[in-house]
């Protein structure tokens, strides 16, 4: 079928709306009509070249939710009419990582940026006869997608799809970085550095877990104010400003968990993050950086003698098939705020404005809404 999509044709190029050819689902795949797609900073890394791709063009987008419209051969877990969330990391359930309970590290994740479908290593999207990559094998900057069932999580139909879309990346990643891999406990002090679509969910995740102090750090005043709405007890414009107060409120112990969720991470943030972290505490690195950047500044003396930990995290350290239903139940019980996360909505044709607003610090999470005129 033909549908429209927002694509990038090269580094530092704007998003362009093109008519693409979308293939029907083959064995193990489904086609989904999307209701919404989140505008995540990770797609901005495609445009800047920070995330390397084998070729252009690429259809962006990796946060989406919608309704299954076609089902390929051999699919038994989904049927037409099902409401689903697309997870940016597939979970096959069969590889060594999945078998160990590490679905967020599924072996199929190795192909996320190749554009080659899991089922047969070909391409589902074409433009003028040439293959097009799908971001994270999804490409949710299009009203229709054809994806592998490993990337699809069935949900109950009472959840608004435009809210459920956020669970495919930002909410699950941020919340889990505080509660799962971060291991926040009752009475802890948690510092969150970078209050965007991921960081704001680390804030509310830490608050939900019972942290005594939740310290939000961001240079944008608007984001600091929003952090208070989601459970932050203290806010600062920089770690340098935050450090003395963290020391004061913890009687010198410092933070149990420091979570770095900045939109574009650089190695020089690690040392100050470790500096506000307690003995035996951990720094959780969530933010994405340039793939070519391998330089990190930190005190190995401090790392060793104070037994601190530096921990990477993807999808919050837990699997989409367990985390997404759990978070939906929290939303249903009013323990997770999804409604307040969406600070602006856009048509697909306005995607460049959406990303300009993100870069200018005007959004926690912008969302593309699809309507009847998009299908």
Protein backbone atom coordinates (compact mmCIF):
# COMPACT_ATOMS: atom_id res chain seq x y z
CA UNK A 1 0.00 0.00 0.00
CA UNK A 2 0.97 3.64 -0.32
CA UNK A 3 1.03 5.95 2.68
CA UNK A 4 2.83 9.09 3.74
CA UNK A 5 5.78 9.30 6.09
CA UNK A 6 8.28 11.77 7.53
CA UNK A 7 11.73 10.81 6.25
CA UNK A 8 15.28 12.14 6.49
CA UNK A 9 17.38 11.96 3.34
CA UNK A 10 20.74 12.89 4.85
CA UNK A 11 22.58 14.31 7.84
CA UNK A 12 21.38 17.78 8.91
CA UNK A 13 18.50 17.60 6.46
CA UNK A 14 14.97 18.48 7.64
CA UNK A 15 12.17 15.96 7.90
CA UNK A 16 10.34 15.65 4.58
CA UNK A 17 6.85 14.28 3.98
CA UNK A 18 6.95 11.66 1.22
CA UNK A 19 4.61 9.06 -0.20
CA UNK A 20 6.16 5.66 0.56
CA UNK A 21 5.39 2.10 -0.44
CA UNK A 22 4.61 -0.07 2.59
CA UNK A 23 4.78 -3.82 2.21
CA UNK A 24 2.15 -6.22 3.50
CA UNK A 25 3.06 -8.36 6.52
CA UNK A 26 4.91 -11.59 5.83
CA UNK A 27 5.26 -14.50 8.26
CA UNK A 28 5.49 -13.25 11.84
CA UNK A 29 4.43 -9.69 11.04
CA UNK A 30 1.40 -7.42 11.42
CA UNK A 31 0.33 -4.11 9.96
CA UNK A 32 -0.84 -1.41 12.36
CA UNK A 33 -2.83 1.78 11.81
CA UNK A 34 -1.29 4.21 14.29
CA UNK A 35 -3.21 6.70 16.40
CA UNK A 36 -0.16 8.58 17.61
CA UNK A 37 3.63 8.74 17.67
CA UNK A 38 5.89 10.38 20.22
CA UNK A 39 8.64 12.79 19.20
CA UNK A 40 11.68 11.39 20.98
CA UNK A 41 15.16 12.96 21.06
CA UNK A 42 16.65 9.71 19.77
CA UNK A 43 15.17 10.45 16.34
CA UNK A 44 16.94 13.81 16.39
CA UNK A 45 20.20 11.85 16.64
CA UNK A 46 19.40 10.35 13.24
CA UNK A 47 19.18 13.83 11.74
CA UNK A 48 22.43 15.05 13.30
CA UNK A 49 24.37 11.90 12.47
CA UNK A 50 25.10 11.10 16.13
CA UNK A 51 23.46 7.71 15.56
CA UNK A 52 25.11 6.10 12.53
CA UNK A 53 22.97 4.56 9.80
CA UNK A 54 24.05 2.31 6.93
CA UNK A 55 22.24 4.56 4.42
CA UNK A 56 19.48 7.11 3.95
CA UNK A 57 16.57 7.74 3.69
CA UNK A 58 15.07 6.69 7.00
CA UNK A 59 11.50 6.85 8.30
CA UNK A 60 11.77 8.12 11.86
CA UNK A 61 9.71 7.36 14.93
CA UNK A 62 9.85 4.60 17.52
CA UNK A 63 7.02 5.43 19.94
CA UNK A 64 3.62 4.43 18.63
CA UNK A 65 0.28 2.83 19.43
CA UNK A 66 -2.62 1.83 17.22
CA UNK A 67 -4.88 -0.92 15.92
CA UNK A 68 -3.85 -4.06 14.05
CA UNK A 69 -5.28 -4.01 10.50
CA UNK A 70 -3.55 -7.01 8.87
CA UNK A 71 -1.97 -10.18 10.22
CA UNK A 72 0.71 -12.18 8.45
CA UNK A 73 1.04 -15.98 8.30
CA UNK A 74 1.91 -17.77 11.51
CA UNK A 75 0.94 -14.96 13.88
CA UNK A 76 -1.05 -16.43 16.76
CA UNK A 77 -0.73 -13.79 19.50
CA UNK A 78 -2.44 -10.94 17.61
CA UNK A 79 -5.49 -10.46 15.42
CA UNK A 80 -7.16 -7.68 13.47
CA UNK A 81 -8.72 -5.08 15.74
CA UNK A 82 -6.28 -5.57 18.62
CA UNK A 83 -5.00 -2.42 20.30
CA UNK A 84 -1.23 -2.45 20.57
CA UNK A 85 1.83 -0.52 21.69
CA UNK A 86 5.01 -0.74 19.63
CA UNK A 87 8.15 -1.24 21.73
CA UNK A 88 11.37 0.17 20.29
CA UNK A 89 13.29 -2.90 21.43
CA UNK A 90 11.92 -6.23 20.14
CA UNK A 91 11.50 -9.16 22.52
CA UNK A 92 11.59 -12.49 20.70
CA UNK A 93 11.29 -14.57 23.89
CA UNK A 94 13.66 -17.24 22.56
CA UNK A 95 17.21 -15.87 22.51
CA UNK A 96 19.66 -16.26 25.39
CA UNK A 97 19.01 -12.75 26.71
CA UNK A 98 15.24 -13.17 26.68
CA UNK A 99 15.54 -16.59 28.34
CA UNK A 100 17.55 -14.97 31.15
CA UNK A 101 14.82 -12.38 31.73
CA UNK A 102 16.68 -9.63 29.85
CA UNK A 103 14.12 -8.97 27.11
CA UNK A 104 15.36 -5.39 26.80
CA UNK A 105 18.64 -6.89 25.54
CA UNK A 106 16.99 -9.26 23.04
CA UNK A 107 19.39 -10.44 20.32
CA UNK A 108 17.04 -9.02 17.68
CA UNK A 109 18.02 -5.58 18.92
CA UNK A 110 21.27 -5.94 17.00
CA UNK A 111 19.37 -5.13 13.81
CA UNK A 112 17.49 -2.05 15.04
CA UNK A 113 19.36 0.40 12.82
CA UNK A 114 19.77 -1.83 9.76
CA UNK A 115 16.20 -1.44 8.54
CA UNK A 116 16.17 -5.15 7.70
CA UNK A 117 12.98 -6.85 8.87
CA UNK A 118 13.41 -9.55 11.49
CA UNK A 119 11.39 -12.08 9.47
CA UNK A 120 13.41 -12.19 6.26
CA UNK A 121 16.10 -9.45 6.39
CA UNK A 122 14.46 -7.47 3.57
CA UNK A 123 12.82 -4.04 3.72
CA UNK A 124 9.15 -3.21 4.28
CA UNK A 125 9.37 0.41 3.15
CA UNK A 126 10.34 1.76 -0.26
CA UNK A 127 10.64 5.20 -1.85
CA UNK A 128 10.91 5.56 -5.63
CA UNK A 129 11.93 1.92 -5.85
CA UNK A 130 14.72 2.16 -3.26
CA UNK A 131 14.70 0.67 0.26
CA UNK A 132 14.02 2.93 3.24
CA UNK A 133 15.13 2.26 6.81
CA UNK A 134 12.54 2.13 9.60
CA UNK A 135 13.81 3.61 12.87
CA UNK A 136 14.10 0.72 15.34
CA UNK A 137 12.36 -1.44 12.69
CA UNK A 138 9.19 0.58 13.40
CA UNK A 139 9.11 3.96 11.65
CA UNK A 140 6.14 5.46 13.50
CA UNK A 141 6.36 8.77 11.65
CA UNK A 142 3.85 7.22 9.26
CA UNK A 143 0.16 6.46 9.89
CA UNK A 144 0.66 2.81 8.92
CA UNK A 145 3.55 0.48 9.80
CA UNK A 146 4.39 -3.15 9.05
CA UNK A 147 6.33 -4.65 11.96
CA UNK A 148 7.36 -7.94 13.49
CA UNK A 149 5.20 -9.31 16.30
CA UNK A 150 8.31 -9.31 18.52
CA UNK A 151 7.95 -5.51 18.64
CA UNK A 152 4.21 -5.47 19.36
CA UNK A 153 2.56 -5.52 22.81
CA UNK A 154 -1.19 -6.14 22.95
CA UNK A 155 -3.03 -3.86 25.39
CA UNK A 156 -6.58 -3.54 26.68
CA UNK A 157 -8.91 -1.27 24.78
CA UNK A 158 -9.78 1.10 27.64
CA UNK A 159 -6.44 2.92 27.39
CA UNK A 160 -6.35 6.00 25.09
CA UNK A 161 -3.97 5.11 22.29
CA UNK A 162 -2.43 8.59 22.13
CA UNK A 163 -1.30 8.12 25.74
CA UNK A 164 -0.29 4.48 25.36
CA UNK A 165 2.09 5.45 22.53
CA UNK A 166 4.47 7.02 25.07
CA UNK A 167 5.04 3.65 26.75
CA UNK A 168 7.02 2.33 23.79
CA UNK A 169 10.08 4.32 24.85
CA UNK A 170 10.07 7.42 27.05
CA UNK A 171 7.83 6.38 29.92
CA UNK A 172 9.10 2.83 30.27
CA UNK A 173 12.72 3.92 29.94
CA UNK A 174 12.50 6.74 32.45
CA UNK A 175 10.34 4.97 35.00
CA UNK A 176 12.39 1.78 34.88
CA UNK A 177 15.67 3.68 35.16
CA UNK A 178 14.53 4.83 38.59
CA UNK A 179 12.54 1.85 39.80
CA UNK A 180 14.04 -1.19 38.09
CA UNK A 181 17.70 -0.84 37.16
CA UNK A 182 18.01 2.17 39.50
CA UNK A 183 16.46 0.21 42.36
CA UNK A 184 15.08 3.24 44.19
CA UNK A 185 13.92 2.34 47.69
CA UNK A 186 11.76 4.01 50.33
CA UNK A 187 13.63 6.95 51.80
CA UNK A 188 16.29 7.20 49.07
CA UNK A 189 17.63 10.38 47.54
CA UNK A 190 17.47 10.35 43.73
CA UNK A 191 18.98 12.90 41.35
CA UNK A 192 17.67 13.11 37.78
CA UNK A 193 19.81 15.08 35.31
CA UNK A 194 17.87 16.15 32.21
CA UNK A 195 14.10 16.62 32.42
CA UNK A 196 12.74 15.69 29.03
CA UNK A 197 10.42 12.91 27.91
CA UNK A 198 12.56 10.29 29.67
CA UNK A 199 13.80 12.23 32.69
CA UNK A 200 10.36 13.42 33.76
CA UNK A 201 9.37 9.76 34.08
CA UNK A 202 12.44 9.00 36.17
CA UNK A 203 11.21 11.78 38.45
CA UNK A 204 7.74 10.32 38.82
CA UNK A 205 9.10 6.78 39.05
CA UNK A 206 11.43 7.75 41.90
CA UNK A 207 8.62 9.55 43.70
CA UNK A 208 6.33 6.53 43.26
CA UNK A 209 9.01 4.24 44.71
CA UNK A 210 9.05 6.32 47.89
CA UNK A 211 12.19 8.42 47.51
CA UNK A 212 12.44 11.03 50.26
CA UNK A 213 14.18 13.55 48.03
CA UNK A 214 13.88 13.73 44.24
CA UNK A 215 16.26 16.32 42.81
CA UNK A 216 15.59 17.41 39.22
CA UNK A 217 18.41 19.13 37.30
CA UNK A 218 17.80 20.97 34.03
CA UNK A 219 18.87 24.38 32.67
CA UNK A 220 15.32 25.13 31.40
CA UNK A 221 13.08 26.80 33.99
CA UNK A 222 9.89 25.44 32.39
CA UNK A 223 11.13 21.87 32.79
CA UNK A 224 12.15 22.45 36.38
CA UNK A 225 8.66 23.72 37.16
CA UNK A 226 7.07 20.72 35.45
CA UNK A 227 9.33 18.39 37.43
CA UNK A 228 7.71 19.64 40.63
CA UNK A 229 4.31 18.59 39.26
CA UNK A 230 5.64 15.05 38.83
CA UNK A 231 7.19 14.66 42.27
CA UNK A 232 10.49 16.56 42.39
CA UNK A 233 11.23 17.97 45.84
CA UNK A 234 14.14 20.16 44.70
CA UNK A 235 15.15 21.61 41.32
CA UNK A 236 18.38 23.16 40.05
CA UNK A 237 19.78 24.48 36.81
CA UNK A 238 23.05 22.50 37.06
CA UNK A 239 24.76 19.79 39.06
CA UNK A 240 27.16 22.43 40.39
CA UNK A 241 24.21 24.29 41.93
CA UNK A 242 22.65 21.08 43.19
CA UNK A 243 25.71 19.52 44.86
CA UNK A 244 25.88 21.60 48.09
CA UNK A 245 22.14 21.28 48.72
CA UNK A 246 22.21 17.52 48.11
CA UNK A 247 24.98 17.33 50.70
CA UNK A 248 22.98 19.42 53.15
CA UNK A 249 19.65 17.57 52.91
CA UNK A 250 21.33 14.14 53.13
CA UNK A 251 23.67 15.12 56.00
CA UNK A 252 26.62 14.55 53.73
CA UNK A 253 25.60 11.11 52.47
CA UNK A 254 24.67 12.36 48.94
CA UNK A 255 22.36 10.61 46.44
CA UNK A 256 21.65 6.89 46.45
CA UNK A 257 20.89 6.98 42.72
CA UNK A 258 21.84 9.53 40.07
CA UNK A 259 20.13 9.12 36.68
CA UNK A 260 21.49 10.86 33.58
CA UNK A 261 18.69 11.40 31.08
CA UNK A 262 20.00 14.35 29.07
CA UNK A 263 19.05 14.42 25.40
CA UNK A 264 22.65 14.36 24.22
CA UNK A 265 25.20 12.99 26.66
CA UNK A 266 28.90 13.78 26.75
CA UNK A 267 31.64 12.10 28.76
CA UNK A 268 32.36 15.12 30.92
CA UNK A 269 29.06 14.71 32.79
CA UNK A 270 30.11 11.45 34.45
CA UNK A 271 32.53 12.95 37.00
CA UNK A 272 30.08 15.49 38.45
CA UNK A 273 27.32 12.86 38.47
CA UNK A 274 29.54 10.52 40.48
CA UNK A 275 30.42 13.47 42.69
CA UNK A 276 26.83 13.87 43.92
CA UNK A 277 26.41 10.11 44.40
CA UNK A 278 26.81 8.39 47.75
CA UNK A 279 29.33 5.76 48.75
CA UNK A 280 28.02 2.47 47.36
CA UNK A 281 25.55 4.36 45.16
CA UNK A 282 25.13 4.18 41.42
CA UNK A 283 24.97 6.44 38.41
CA UNK A 284 22.55 5.18 35.74
CA UNK A 285 23.42 6.35 32.23
CA UNK A 286 20.33 6.58 30.04
CA UNK A 287 20.98 9.50 27.67
CA UNK A 288 22.23 8.85 24.15
CA UNK A 289 25.50 10.25 22.88
CA UNK A 290 27.36 10.33 19.61
CA UNK A 291 28.43 6.81 18.64
CA UNK A 292 31.93 8.09 17.87
CA UNK A 293 32.38 9.73 21.29
CA UNK A 294 34.46 7.39 23.49
CA UNK A 295 35.95 9.88 25.98
CA UNK A 296 34.73 9.84 29.59
CA UNK A 297 36.06 11.87 32.51
CA UNK A 298 35.86 10.34 35.96
CA UNK A 299 37.95 9.72 39.07
CA UNK A 300 38.98 6.06 39.14
CA UNK A 301 40.23 6.69 42.68
CA UNK A 302 36.72 7.69 43.75
CA UNK A 303 35.09 4.89 41.77
CA UNK A 304 37.18 2.25 43.51
CA UNK A 305 37.56 3.51 47.07
CA UNK A 306 33.95 4.66 47.46
CA UNK A 307 32.60 1.58 45.67
CA UNK A 308 30.37 3.53 43.31
CA UNK A 309 28.78 2.00 40.24
CA UNK A 310 28.39 3.32 36.71
CA UNK A 311 25.51 1.51 35.04
CA UNK A 312 24.17 1.69 31.49
CA UNK A 313 20.45 1.22 30.87
CA UNK A 314 18.16 0.51 27.91
CA UNK A 315 14.36 0.48 28.21
CA UNK A 316 14.78 1.06 31.93
CA UNK A 317 16.51 -2.26 32.47
CA UNK A 318 13.40 -4.40 32.04
CA UNK A 319 11.42 -6.08 29.26
CA UNK A 320 8.57 -4.45 27.33
CA UNK A 321 6.22 -7.40 27.74
CA UNK A 322 6.32 -7.09 31.52
CA UNK A 323 6.82 -3.35 31.93
CA UNK A 324 4.20 -1.95 29.54
CA UNK A 325 1.21 -3.83 31.07
CA UNK A 326 2.49 -2.93 34.56
CA UNK A 327 2.68 0.76 33.70
CA UNK A 328 -0.77 0.70 32.12
CA UNK A 329 -2.20 -0.68 35.35
CA UNK A 330 -0.50 2.14 37.27
CA UNK A 331 -2.04 4.64 34.85
CA UNK A 332 -5.43 3.01 35.27
CA UNK A 333 -5.07 3.36 39.06
CA UNK A 334 -3.92 7.00 38.76
CA UNK A 335 -0.42 6.20 40.04
CA UNK A 336 1.25 7.08 36.73
CA UNK A 337 0.54 10.39 35.00
CA UNK A 338 0.52 10.01 31.23
CA UNK A 339 -1.89 12.85 30.50
CA UNK A 340 0.40 15.58 31.84
CA UNK A 341 3.37 14.36 29.82
CA UNK A 342 1.93 15.46 26.48
CA UNK A 343 2.65 19.18 26.37
CA UNK A 344 2.01 19.72 22.64
CA UNK A 345 0.46 17.80 19.75
CA UNK A 346 1.23 18.11 16.04
CA UNK A 347 0.17 16.94 12.62
CA UNK A 348 2.77 14.85 10.81
CA UNK A 349 3.32 17.76 8.42
CA UNK A 350 4.40 19.91 11.39
CA UNK A 351 7.12 17.54 12.56
CA UNK A 352 9.96 20.02 12.01
CA UNK A 353 8.18 22.52 14.28
CA UNK A 354 7.77 19.76 16.87
CA UNK A 355 11.49 19.09 16.94
CA UNK A 356 12.27 22.81 17.00
CA UNK A 357 10.06 23.07 20.10
CA UNK A 358 11.90 20.14 21.66
CA UNK A 359 15.30 21.72 21.02
CA UNK A 360 14.03 25.00 22.48
CA UNK A 361 12.93 23.28 25.69
CA UNK A 362 9.22 23.93 25.17
CA UNK A 363 8.09 20.29 25.43
CA UNK A 364 8.25 17.42 27.84
CA UNK A 365 6.94 15.22 25.06
CA UNK A 366 5.45 16.32 21.78
CA UNK A 367 3.11 13.86 20.09
CA UNK A 368 1.99 13.44 16.49
CA UNK A 369 -1.72 12.66 16.32
CA UNK A 370 -3.07 10.86 13.25
CA UNK A 371 -6.62 11.49 12.04
CA UNK A 372 -9.03 10.42 9.31
CA UNK A 373 -7.24 12.57 6.72
CA UNK A 374 -3.99 10.65 7.32
CA UNK A 375 -5.32 7.19 6.48
